[in-house]
Amino acid sequence: LPEISGVEICKLVRSKPDIKNIPIIMLTAKGEEEDKVKGL
């Protein structure tokens, strides 16, 4: 995403008590195992 990556947004969501439990599905063109591990 422009300005801030989806990974950073994911981390921010998990740090907020009132929204941290919302399920997140990452959509990405990155298919390497290392990238998947990073996202998860």
PDB file of all heavy atoms in Angstrom:
ATOM      1  N   LEU A   1       0.844  -1.187   0.000  1.00  0.00           N
ATOM      2  CA  LEU A   1       0.000   0.000   0.000  1.00  0.00           C
ATOM      3  C   LEU A   1       0.882   1.240   0.000  1.00  0.00           C
ATOM      4  O   LEU A   1       1.997   1.208   0.522  1.00  0.00           O
ATOM      5  CB  LEU A   1      -0.896   0.026   1.252  1.00  0.00           C
ATOM      6  CG  LEU A   1      -2.030  -0.985   1.317  1.00  0.00           C
ATOM      7  CD1 LEU A   1      -2.570  -1.076   2.732  1.00  0.00           C
ATOM      8  CD2 LEU A   1      -3.140  -0.613   0.341  1.00  0.00           C
ATOM      9  N   PRO A   2       0.388   2.354  -0.544  1.00  0.00           N
ATOM     10  CA  PRO A   2       1.159   3.595  -0.459  1.00  0.00           C
ATOM     11  C   PRO A   2       1.193   4.101   0.977  1.00  0.00           C
ATOM     12  O   PRO A   2       0.306   3.812   1.766  1.00  0.00           O
ATOM     13  CB  PRO A   2       0.385   4.560  -1.369  1.00  0.00           C
ATOM     14  CG  PRO A   2      -0.980   3.985  -1.469  1.00  0.00           C
ATOM     15  CD  PRO A   2      -0.848   2.505  -1.316  1.00  0.00           C
ATOM     16  N   GLU A   3       2.224   4.809   1.329  1.00  0.00           N
ATOM     17  CA  GLU A   3       2.455   5.436   2.635  1.00  0.00           C
ATOM     18  C   GLU A   3       2.851   4.452   3.736  1.00  0.00           C
ATOM     19  O   GLU A   3       3.810   4.678   4.455  1.00  0.00           O
ATOM     20  CB  GLU A   3       1.242   6.247   3.123  1.00  0.00           C
ATOM     21  CG  GLU A   3       0.914   7.461   2.289  1.00  0.00           C
ATOM     22  CD  GLU A   3      -0.264   7.210   1.378  1.00  0.00           C
ATOM     23  OE1 GLU A   3      -1.006   6.249   1.614  1.00  0.00           O
ATOM     24  OE2 GLU A   3      -0.431   7.989   0.421  1.00  0.00           O
ATOM     25  N   ILE A   4       2.106   3.364   3.883  1.00  0.00           N
ATOM     26  CA  ILE A   4       2.382   2.414   4.964  1.00  0.00           C
ATOM     27  C   ILE A   4       2.018   1.018   4.479  1.00  0.00           C
ATOM     28  O   ILE A   4       1.016   0.838   3.795  1.00  0.00           O
ATOM     29  CB  ILE A   4       1.603   2.793   6.242  1.00  0.00           C
ATOM     30  CG1 ILE A   4       1.899   1.806   7.373  1.00  0.00           C
ATOM     31  CG2 ILE A   4       0.113   2.884   5.978  1.00  0.00           C
ATOM     32  CD1 ILE A   4       1.319   2.245   8.712  1.00  0.00           C
ATOM     33  N   SER A   5       2.821   0.033   4.811  1.00  0.00           N
ATOM     34  CA  SER A   5       2.595  -1.322   4.296  1.00  0.00           C
ATOM     35  C   SER A   5       1.477  -2.018   5.066  1.00  0.00           C
ATOM     36  O   SER A   5       1.153  -1.665   6.202  1.00  0.00           O
ATOM     37  CB  SER A   5       3.877  -2.151   4.407  1.00  0.00           C
ATOM     38  OG  SER A   5       4.126  -2.510   5.760  1.00  0.00           O
ATOM     39  N   GLY A   6       0.915  -3.040   4.418  1.00  0.00           N
ATOM     40  CA  GLY A   6      -0.104  -3.847   5.070  1.00  0.00           C
ATOM     41  C   GLY A   6       0.417  -4.528   6.319  1.00  0.00           C
ATOM     42  O   GLY A   6      -0.309  -4.699   7.298  1.00  0.00           O
ATOM     43  N   VAL A   7       1.685  -4.920   6.309  1.00  0.00           N
ATOM     44  CA  VAL A   7       2.287  -5.565   7.473  1.00  0.00           C
ATOM     45  C   VAL A   7       2.286  -4.604   8.669  1.00  0.00           C
ATOM     46  O   VAL A   7       1.956  -4.981   9.801  1.00  0.00           O
ATOM     47  CB  VAL A   7       3.722  -6.037   7.163  1.00  0.00           C
ATOM     48  CG1 VAL A   7       4.441  -6.471   8.433  1.00  0.00           C
ATOM     49  CG2 VAL A   7       3.687  -7.196   6.167  1.00  0.00           C
ATOM     50  N   GLU A   8       2.648  -3.341   8.423  1.00  0.00           N
ATOM     51  CA  GLU A   8       2.667  -2.352   9.506  1.00  0.00           C
ATOM     52  C   GLU A   8       1.253  -2.072  10.018  1.00  0.00           C
ATOM     53  O   GLU A   8       1.043  -1.913  11.230  1.00  0.00           O
ATOM     54  CB  GLU A   8       3.322  -1.049   9.032  1.00  0.00           C
ATOM     55  CG  GLU A   8       4.817  -1.170   8.797  1.00  0.00           C
ATOM     56  CD  GLU A   8       5.551  -1.689  10.023  1.00  0.00           C
ATOM     57  OE1 GLU A   8       5.299  -1.163  11.123  1.00  0.00           O
ATOM     58  OE2 GLU A   8       6.365  -2.625   9.889  1.00  0.00           O
ATOM     59  N   ILE A   9       0.286  -2.013   9.103  1.00  0.00           N
ATOM     60  CA  ILE A   9      -1.104  -1.809   9.513  1.00  0.00           C
ATOM     61  C   ILE A   9      -1.562  -2.976  10.384  1.00  0.00           C
ATOM     62  O   ILE A   9      -2.223  -2.788  11.409  1.00  0.00           O
ATOM     63  CB  ILE A   9      -2.023  -1.661   8.288  1.00  0.00           C
ATOM     64  CG1 ILE A   9      -1.706  -0.353   7.549  1.00  0.00           C
ATOM     65  CG2 ILE A   9      -3.501  -1.693   8.695  1.00  0.00           C
ATOM     66  CD1 ILE A   9      -2.367  -0.238   6.198  1.00  0.00           C
ATOM     67  N   CYS A  10      -1.190  -4.178   9.988  1.00  0.00           N
ATOM     68  CA  CYS A  10      -1.543  -5.377  10.746  1.00  0.00           C
ATOM     69  C   CYS A  10      -0.994  -5.287  12.177  1.00  0.00           C
ATOM     70  O   CYS A  10      -1.705  -5.557  13.158  1.00  0.00           O
ATOM     71  CB  CYS A  10      -0.991  -6.608  10.030  1.00  0.00           C
ATOM     72  SG  CYS A  10      -1.608  -8.162  10.687  1.00  0.00           S
ATOM     73  N   LYS A  11       0.254  -4.878  12.303  1.00  0.00           N
ATOM     74  CA  LYS A  11       0.862  -4.739  13.627  1.00  0.00           C
ATOM     75  C   LYS A  11       0.128  -3.695  14.470  1.00  0.00           C
ATOM     76  O   LYS A  11      -0.087  -3.888  15.672  1.00  0.00           O
ATOM     77  CB  LYS A  11       2.343  -4.347  13.492  1.00  0.00           C
ATOM     78  CG  LYS A  11       3.236  -5.457  12.951  1.00  0.00           C
ATOM     79  CD  LYS A  11       4.661  -4.942  12.800  1.00  0.00           C
ATOM     80  CE  LYS A  11       5.588  -6.014  12.232  1.00  0.00           C
ATOM     81  NZ  LYS A  11       6.959  -5.480  12.008  1.00  0.00           N
ATOM     82  N   LEU A  12      -0.256  -2.591  13.836  1.00  0.00           N
ATOM     83  CA  LEU A  12      -0.962  -1.531  14.553  1.00  0.00           C
ATOM     84  C   LEU A  12      -2.332  -2.006  15.035  1.00  0.00           C
ATOM     85  O   LEU A  12      -2.744  -1.706  16.160  1.00  0.00           O
ATOM     86  CB  LEU A  12      -1.122  -0.303  13.654  1.00  0.00           C
ATOM     87  CG  LEU A  12       0.153   0.496  13.375  1.00  0.00           C
ATOM     88  CD1 LEU A  12      -0.089   1.522  12.265  1.00  0.00           C
ATOM     89  CD2 LEU A  12       0.636   1.199  14.641  1.00  0.00           C
ATOM     90  N   VAL A  13      -3.029  -2.758  14.185  1.00  0.00           N
ATOM     91  CA  VAL A  13      -4.338  -3.295  14.579  1.00  0.00           C
ATOM     92  C   VAL A  13      -4.184  -4.205  15.796  1.00  0.00           C
ATOM     93  O   VAL A  13      -4.962  -4.126  16.757  1.00  0.00           O
ATOM     94  CB  VAL A  13      -4.984  -4.065  13.411  1.00  0.00           C
ATOM     95  CG1 VAL A  13      -6.217  -4.844  13.885  1.00  0.00           C
ATOM     96  CG2 VAL A  13      -5.374  -3.110  12.296  1.00  0.00           C
ATOM     97  N   ARG A  14      -3.170  -5.049  15.776  1.00  0.00           N
ATOM     98  CA  ARG A  14      -2.971  -5.993  16.887  1.00  0.00           C
ATOM     99  C   ARG A  14      -2.557  -5.295  18.183  1.00  0.00           C
ATOM    100  O   ARG A  14      -2.663  -5.865  19.262  1.00  0.00           O
ATOM    101  CB  ARG A  14      -1.927  -7.047  16.502  1.00  0.00           C
ATOM    102  CG  ARG A  14      -2.350  -7.953  15.350  1.00  0.00           C
ATOM    103  CD  ARG A  14      -3.628  -8.706  15.666  1.00  0.00           C
ATOM    104  NE  ARG A  14      -4.041  -9.582  14.566  1.00  0.00           N
ATOM    105  CZ  ARG A  14      -5.257  -9.599  14.062  1.00  0.00           C
ATOM    106  NH1 ARG A  14      -6.185  -8.819  14.557  1.00  0.00           N
ATOM    107  NH2 ARG A  14      -5.566 -10.413  13.075  1.00  0.00           N
ATOM    108  N   SER A  15      -2.110  -4.056  18.092  1.00  0.00           N
ATOM    109  CA  SER A  15      -1.692  -3.314  19.291  1.00  0.00           C
ATOM    110  C   SER A  15      -2.841  -2.539  19.931  1.00  0.00           C
ATOM    111  O   SER A  15      -2.681  -1.979  21.016  1.00  0.00           O
ATOM    112  CB  SER A  15      -0.560  -2.336  18.943  1.00  0.00           C
ATOM    113  OG  SER A  15      -1.044  -1.239  18.189  1.00  0.00           O
ATOM    114  N   LYS A  16      -4.015  -2.513  19.264  1.00  0.00           N
ATOM    115  CA  LYS A  16      -5.149  -1.727  19.756  1.00  0.00           C
ATOM    116  C   LYS A  16      -6.159  -2.642  20.445  1.00  0.00           C
ATOM    117  O   LYS A  16      -6.725  -3.540  19.813  1.00  0.00           O
ATOM    118  CB  LYS A  16      -5.834  -1.003  18.591  1.00  0.00           C
ATOM    119  CG  LYS A  16      -4.972   0.041  17.908  1.00  0.00           C
ATOM    120  CD  LYS A  16      -4.926   1.293  18.731  1.00  0.00           C
ATOM    121  CE  LYS A  16      -4.206   2.415  18.025  1.00  0.00           C
ATOM    122  NZ  LYS A  16      -4.206   3.645  18.819  1.00  0.00           N
ATOM    123  N   PRO A  17      -6.417  -2.425  21.740  1.00  0.00           N
ATOM    124  CA  PRO A  17      -7.278  -3.339  22.497  1.00  0.00           C
ATOM    125  C   PRO A  17      -8.672  -3.531  21.912  1.00  0.00           C
ATOM    126  O   PRO A  17      -9.209  -4.635  21.954  1.00  0.00           O
ATOM    127  CB  PRO A  17      -7.363  -2.674  23.880  1.00  0.00           C
ATOM    128  CG  PRO A  17      -6.150  -1.819  23.985  1.00  0.00           C
ATOM    129  CD  PRO A  17      -5.866  -1.347  22.595  1.00  0.00           C
ATOM    130  N   ASP A  18      -9.261  -2.465  21.344  1.00  0.00           N
ATOM    131  CA  ASP A  18     -10.648  -2.564  20.896  1.00  0.00           C
ATOM    132  C   ASP A  18     -10.810  -3.179  19.511  1.00  0.00           C
ATOM    133  O   ASP A  18     -11.935  -3.480  19.104  1.00  0.00           O
ATOM    134  CB  ASP A  18     -11.332  -1.191  20.943  1.00  0.00           C
ATOM    135  CG  ASP A  18     -10.539  -0.116  20.215  1.00  0.00           C
ATOM    136  OD1 ASP A  18      -9.309  -0.246  20.133  1.00  0.00           O
ATOM    137  OD2 ASP A  18     -11.148   0.856  19.734  1.00  0.00           O
ATOM    138  N   ILE A  19      -9.727  -3.386  18.765  1.00  0.00           N
ATOM    139  CA  ILE A  19      -9.842  -3.972  17.416  1.00  0.00           C
ATOM    140  C   ILE A  19      -8.881  -5.137  17.187  1.00  0.00           C
ATOM    141  O   ILE A  19      -8.843  -5.711  16.101  1.00  0.00           O
ATOM    142  CB  ILE A  19      -9.605  -2.902  16.316  1.00  0.00           C
ATOM    143  CG1 ILE A  19      -8.235  -2.229  16.485  1.00  0.00           C
ATOM    144  CG2 ILE A  19     -10.723  -1.862  16.324  1.00  0.00           C
ATOM    145  CD1 ILE A  19      -7.865  -1.281  15.345  1.00  0.00           C
ATOM    146  N   LYS A  20      -8.111  -5.505  18.202  1.00  0.00           N
ATOM    147  CA  LYS A  20      -7.017  -6.465  18.002  1.00  0.00           C
ATOM    148  C   LYS A  20      -7.475  -7.871  17.621  1.00  0.00           C
ATOM    149  O   LYS A  20      -6.699  -8.656  17.075  1.00  0.00           O
ATOM    150  CB  LYS A  20      -6.140  -6.530  19.248  1.00  0.00           C
ATOM    151  CG  LYS A  20      -6.826  -7.129  20.470  1.00  0.00           C
ATOM    152  CD  LYS A  20      -5.874  -7.163  21.653  1.00  0.00           C
ATOM    153  CE  LYS A  20      -6.525  -7.796  22.867  1.00  0.00           C
ATOM    154  NZ  LYS A  20      -5.604  -7.801  24.025  1.00  0.00           N
ATOM    155  N   ASN A  21      -8.750  -8.213  17.888  1.00  0.00           N
ATOM    156  CA  ASN A  21      -9.234  -9.562  17.600  1.00  0.00           C
ATOM    157  C   ASN A  21      -9.871  -9.723  16.218  1.00  0.00           C
ATOM    158  O   ASN A  21     -10.335 -10.797  15.881  1.00  0.00           O
ATOM    159  CB  ASN A  21     -10.242  -9.988  18.667  1.00  0.00           C
ATOM    160  CG  ASN A  21      -9.602 -10.150  20.027  1.00  0.00           C
ATOM    161  OD1 ASN A  21      -8.529 -10.733  20.141  1.00  0.00           O
ATOM    162  ND2 ASN A  21     -10.232  -9.624  21.056  1.00  0.00           N
ATOM    163  N   ILE A  22      -9.889  -8.648  15.439  1.00  0.00           N
ATOM    164  CA  ILE A  22     -10.516  -8.740  14.112  1.00  0.00           C
ATOM    165  C   ILE A  22      -9.664  -9.624  13.198  1.00  0.00           C
ATOM    166  O   ILE A  22      -8.457  -9.400  13.055  1.00  0.00           O
ATOM    167  CB  ILE A  22     -10.664  -7.341  13.484  1.00  0.00           C
ATOM    168  CG1 ILE A  22     -11.570  -6.456  14.346  1.00  0.00           C
ATOM    169  CG2 ILE A  22     -11.233  -7.451  12.064  1.00  0.00           C
ATOM    170  CD1 ILE A  22     -11.643  -5.009  13.877  1.00  0.00           C
ATOM    171  N   PRO A  23     -10.256 -10.648  12.552  1.00  0.00           N
ATOM    172  CA  PRO A  23      -9.494 -11.480  11.615  1.00  0.00           C
ATOM    173  C   PRO A  23      -8.971 -10.665  10.438  1.00  0.00           C
ATOM    174  O   PRO A  23      -9.685  -9.826   9.895  1.00  0.00           O
ATOM    175  CB  PRO A  23     -10.510 -12.526  11.149  1.00  0.00           C
ATOM    176  CG  PRO A  23     -11.594 -12.517  12.179  1.00  0.00           C
ATOM    177  CD  PRO A  23     -11.642 -11.127  12.706  1.00  0.00           C
ATOM    178  N   ILE A  24      -7.706 -10.918  10.065  1.00  0.00           N
ATOM    179  CA  ILE A  24      -7.072 -10.209   8.949  1.00  0.00           C
ATOM    180  C   ILE A  24      -6.578 -11.223   7.923  1.00  0.00           C
ATOM    181  O   ILE A  24      -5.839 -12.151   8.255  1.00  0.00           O
ATOM    182  CB  ILE A  24      -5.883  -9.358   9.431  1.00  0.00           C
ATOM    183  CG1 ILE A  24      -6.366  -8.262  10.390  1.00  0.00           C
ATOM    184  CG2 ILE A  24      -5.151  -8.735   8.238  1.00  0.00           C
ATOM    185  CD1 ILE A  24      -5.241  -7.452  11.006  1.00  0.00           C
ATOM    186  N   ILE A  25      -7.016 -11.028   6.678  1.00  0.00           N
ATOM    187  CA  ILE A  25      -6.528 -11.851   5.561  1.00  0.00           C
ATOM    188  C   ILE A  25      -5.640 -10.965   4.699  1.00  0.00           C
ATOM    189  O   ILE A  25      -6.097  -9.955   4.165  1.00  0.00           O
ATOM    190  CB  ILE A  25      -7.690 -12.417   4.723  1.00  0.00           C
ATOM    191  CG1 ILE A  25      -8.646 -13.243   5.603  1.00  0.00           C
ATOM    192  CG2 ILE A  25      -7.160 -13.261   3.562  1.00  0.00           C
ATOM    193  CD1 ILE A  25      -9.901 -13.697   4.876  1.00  0.00           C
ATOM    194  N   MET A  26      -4.364 -11.326   4.579  1.00  0.00           N
ATOM    195  CA  MET A  26      -3.433 -10.550   3.764  1.00  0.00           C
ATOM    196  C   MET A  26      -3.589 -10.919   2.291  1.00  0.00           C
ATOM    197  O   MET A  26      -3.667 -12.104   1.937  1.00  0.00           O
ATOM    198  CB  MET A  26      -1.994 -10.828   4.190  1.00  0.00           C
ATOM    199  CG  MET A  26      -1.639 -10.393   5.597  1.00  0.00           C
ATOM    200  SD  MET A  26      -1.499  -8.608   5.804  1.00  0.00           S
ATOM    201  CE  MET A  26      -0.051  -8.255   4.828  1.00  0.00           C
ATOM    202  N   LEU A  27      -3.638  -9.904   1.431  1.00  0.00           N
ATOM    203  CA  LEU A  27      -3.688 -10.096  -0.021  1.00  0.00           C
ATOM    204  C   LEU A  27      -2.365  -9.596  -0.596  1.00  0.00           C
ATOM    205  O   LEU A  27      -2.019  -8.434  -0.404  1.00  0.00           O
ATOM    206  CB  LEU A  27      -4.841  -9.290  -0.635  1.00  0.00           C
ATOM    207  CG  LEU A  27      -6.234  -9.498  -0.042  1.00  0.00           C
ATOM    208  CD1 LEU A  27      -7.226  -8.573  -0.724  1.00  0.00           C
ATOM    209  CD2 LEU A  27      -6.664 -10.957  -0.194  1.00  0.00           C
ATOM    210  N   THR A  28      -1.648 -10.457  -1.275  1.00  0.00           N
ATOM    211  CA  THR A  28      -0.323 -10.040  -1.725  1.00  0.00           C
ATOM    212  C   THR A  28       0.148 -10.791  -2.946  1.00  0.00           C
ATOM    213  O   THR A  28      -0.249 -11.927  -3.185  1.00  0.00           O
ATOM    214  CB  THR A  28       0.701 -10.230  -0.587  1.00  0.00           C
ATOM    215  OG1 THR A  28       1.995  -9.910  -1.059  1.00  0.00           O
ATOM    216  CG2 THR A  28       0.700 -11.654  -0.087  1.00  0.00           C
ATOM    217  N   ALA A  29       1.005 -10.136  -3.722  1.00  0.00           N
ATOM    218  CA  ALA A  29       1.655 -10.784  -4.864  1.00  0.00           C
ATOM    219  C   ALA A  29       2.881 -11.556  -4.409  1.00  0.00           C
ATOM    220  O   ALA A  29       3.486 -12.287  -5.182  1.00  0.00           O
ATOM    221  CB  ALA A  29       2.038  -9.730  -5.901  1.00  0.00           C
ATOM    222  N   LYS A  30       3.294 -11.361  -3.159  1.00  0.00           N
ATOM    223  CA  LYS A  30       4.469 -12.052  -2.637  1.00  0.00           C
ATOM    224  C   LYS A  30       4.093 -13.488  -2.295  1.00  0.00           C
ATOM    225  O   LYS A  30       3.160 -13.720  -1.541  1.00  0.00           O
ATOM    226  CB  LYS A  30       4.992 -11.345  -1.382  1.00  0.00           C
ATOM    227  CG  LYS A  30       5.512  -9.931  -1.655  1.00  0.00           C
ATOM    228  CD  LYS A  30       5.883  -9.243  -0.351  1.00  0.00           C
ATOM    229  CE  LYS A  30       6.488  -7.873  -0.618  1.00  0.00           C
ATOM    230  NZ  LYS A  30       7.850  -7.953  -1.116  1.00  0.00           N
ATOM    231  N   GLY A  31       4.830 -14.439  -2.848  1.00  0.00           N
ATOM    232  CA  GLY A  31       4.476 -15.836  -2.634  1.00  0.00           C
ATOM    233  C   GLY A  31       5.529 -16.663  -1.938  1.00  0.00           C
ATOM    234  O   GLY A  31       5.330 -17.855  -1.698  1.00  0.00           O
ATOM    235  N   GLU A  32       6.673 -16.071  -1.628  1.00  0.00           N
ATOM    236  CA  GLU A  32       7.733 -16.824  -0.975  1.00  0.00           C
ATOM    237  C   GLU A  32       7.345 -17.170   0.459  1.00  0.00           C
ATOM    238  O   GLU A  32       6.644 -16.419   1.135  1.00  0.00           O
ATOM    239  CB  GLU A  32       9.034 -16.023  -0.976  1.00  0.00           C
ATOM    240  CG  GLU A  32       9.591 -15.736  -2.362  1.00  0.00           C
ATOM    241  CD  GLU A  32       9.942 -16.997  -3.127  1.00  0.00           C
ATOM    242  OE1 GLU A  32      10.409 -17.960  -2.475  1.00  0.00           O
ATOM    243  OE2 GLU A  32       9.740 -17.032  -4.346  1.00  0.00           O
ATOM    244  N   GLU A  33       7.854 -18.323   0.909  1.00  0.00           N
ATOM    245  CA  GLU A  33       7.535 -18.786   2.262  1.00  0.00           C
ATOM    246  C   GLU A  33       7.955 -17.763   3.318  1.00  0.00           C
ATOM    247  O   GLU A  33       7.236 -17.509   4.295  1.00  0.00           O
ATOM    248  CB  GLU A  33       8.227 -20.123   2.535  1.00  0.00           C
ATOM    249  CG  GLU A  33       7.871 -20.701   3.909  1.00  0.00           C
ATOM    250  CD  GLU A  33       8.484 -22.068   4.132  1.00  0.00           C
ATOM    251  OE1 GLU A  33       9.110 -22.607   3.189  1.00  0.00           O
ATOM    252  OE2 GLU A  33       8.352 -22.585   5.243  1.00  0.00           O
ATOM    253  N   GLU A  34       9.109 -17.127   3.109  1.00  0.00           N
ATOM    254  CA  GLU A  34       9.612 -16.148   4.070  1.00  0.00           C
ATOM    255  C   GLU A  34       8.644 -14.964   4.210  1.00  0.00           C
ATOM    256  O   GLU A  34       8.419 -14.435   5.302  1.00  0.00           O
ATOM    257  CB  GLU A  34      10.983 -15.630   3.624  1.00  0.00           C
ATOM    258  CG  GLU A  34      11.618 -14.657   4.599  1.00  0.00           C
ATOM    259  CD  GLU A  34      12.990 -14.208   4.122  1.00  0.00           C
ATOM    260  OE1 GLU A  34      13.632 -14.922   3.317  1.00  0.00           O
ATOM    261  OE2 GLU A  34      13.410 -13.124   4.565  1.00  0.00           O
ATOM    262  N   ASP A  35       8.037 -14.550   3.067  1.00  0.00           N
ATOM    263  CA  ASP A  35       7.082 -13.454   3.100  1.00  0.00           C
ATOM    264  C   ASP A  35       5.805 -13.860   3.830  1.00  0.00           C
ATOM    265  O   ASP A  35       5.213 -13.063   4.574  1.00  0.00           O
ATOM    266  CB  ASP A  35       6.747 -12.993   1.679  1.00  0.00           C
ATOM    267  CG  ASP A  35       7.942 -12.364   0.985  1.00  0.00           C
ATOM    268  OD1 ASP A  35       8.674 -11.620   1.656  1.00  0.00           O
ATOM    269  OD2 ASP A  35       8.144 -12.629  -0.205  1.00  0.00           O
ATOM    270  N   LYS A  36       5.371 -15.092   3.617  1.00  0.00           N
ATOM    271  CA  LYS A  36       4.183 -15.578   4.307  1.00  0.00           C
ATOM    272  C   LYS A  36       4.413 -15.592   5.812  1.00  0.00           C
ATOM    273  O   LYS A  36       3.552 -15.175   6.596  1.00  0.00           O
ATOM    274  CB  LYS A  36       3.813 -16.983   3.820  1.00  0.00           C
ATOM    275  CG  LYS A  36       3.316 -17.024   2.383  1.00  0.00           C
ATOM    276  CD  LYS A  36       2.922 -18.426   1.984  1.00  0.00           C
ATOM    277  CE  LYS A  36       2.440 -18.459   0.536  1.00  0.00           C
ATOM    278  NZ  LYS A  36       2.038 -19.813   0.107  1.00  0.00           N
ATOM    279  N   VAL A  37       5.574 -16.057   6.202  1.00  0.00           N
ATOM    280  CA  VAL A  37       5.916 -16.095   7.624  1.00  0.00           C
ATOM    281  C   VAL A  37       5.910 -14.680   8.204  1.00  0.00           C
ATOM    282  O   VAL A  37       5.408 -14.442   9.307  1.00  0.00           O
ATOM    283  CB  VAL A  37       7.287 -16.764   7.851  1.00  0.00           C
ATOM    284  CG1 VAL A  37       7.758 -16.583   9.294  1.00  0.00           C
ATOM    285  CG2 VAL A  37       7.219 -18.238   7.510  1.00  0.00           C
ATOM    286  N   LYS A  38       6.452 -13.733   7.443  1.00  0.00           N
ATOM    287  CA  LYS A  38       6.494 -12.343   7.902  1.00  0.00           C
ATOM    288  C   LYS A  38       5.091 -11.792   8.109  1.00  0.00           C
ATOM    289  O   LYS A  38       4.799 -11.125   9.115  1.00  0.00           O
ATOM    290  CB  LYS A  38       7.247 -11.486   6.883  1.00  0.00           C
ATOM    291  CG  LYS A  38       7.458 -10.033   7.326  1.00  0.00           C
ATOM    292  CD  LYS A  38       8.290  -9.271   6.309  1.00  0.00           C
ATOM    293  CE  LYS A  38       8.476  -7.815   6.734  1.00  0.00           C
ATOM    294  NZ  LYS A  38       9.260  -7.045   5.741  1.00  0.00           N
ATOM    295  N   GLY A  39       4.201 -12.063   7.154  1.00  0.00           N
ATOM    296  CA  GLY A  39       2.826 -11.583   7.272  1.00  0.00           C
ATOM    297  C   GLY A  39       2.098 -12.211   8.439  1.00  0.00           C
ATOM    298  O   GLY A  39       1.421 -11.524   9.216  1.00  0.00           O
ATOM    299  N   LEU A  40       2.240 -13.520   8.604  1.00  0.00           N
ATOM    300  CA  LEU A  40       1.575 -14.207   9.708  1.00  0.00           C
ATOM    301  C   LEU A  40       2.165 -13.801  11.053  1.00  0.00           C
ATOM    302  O   LEU A  40       1.444 -13.671  12.047  1.00  0.00           O
ATOM    303  CB  LEU A  40       1.672 -15.727   9.515  1.00  0.00           C
ATOM    304  CG  LEU A  40       0.923 -16.268   8.285  1.00  0.00           C
ATOM    305  CD1 LEU A  40       1.261 -17.735   8.053  1.00  0.00           C
ATOM    306  CD2 LEU A  40      -0.587 -16.090   8.434  1.00  0.00           C
TER     307      LEU A  40
END
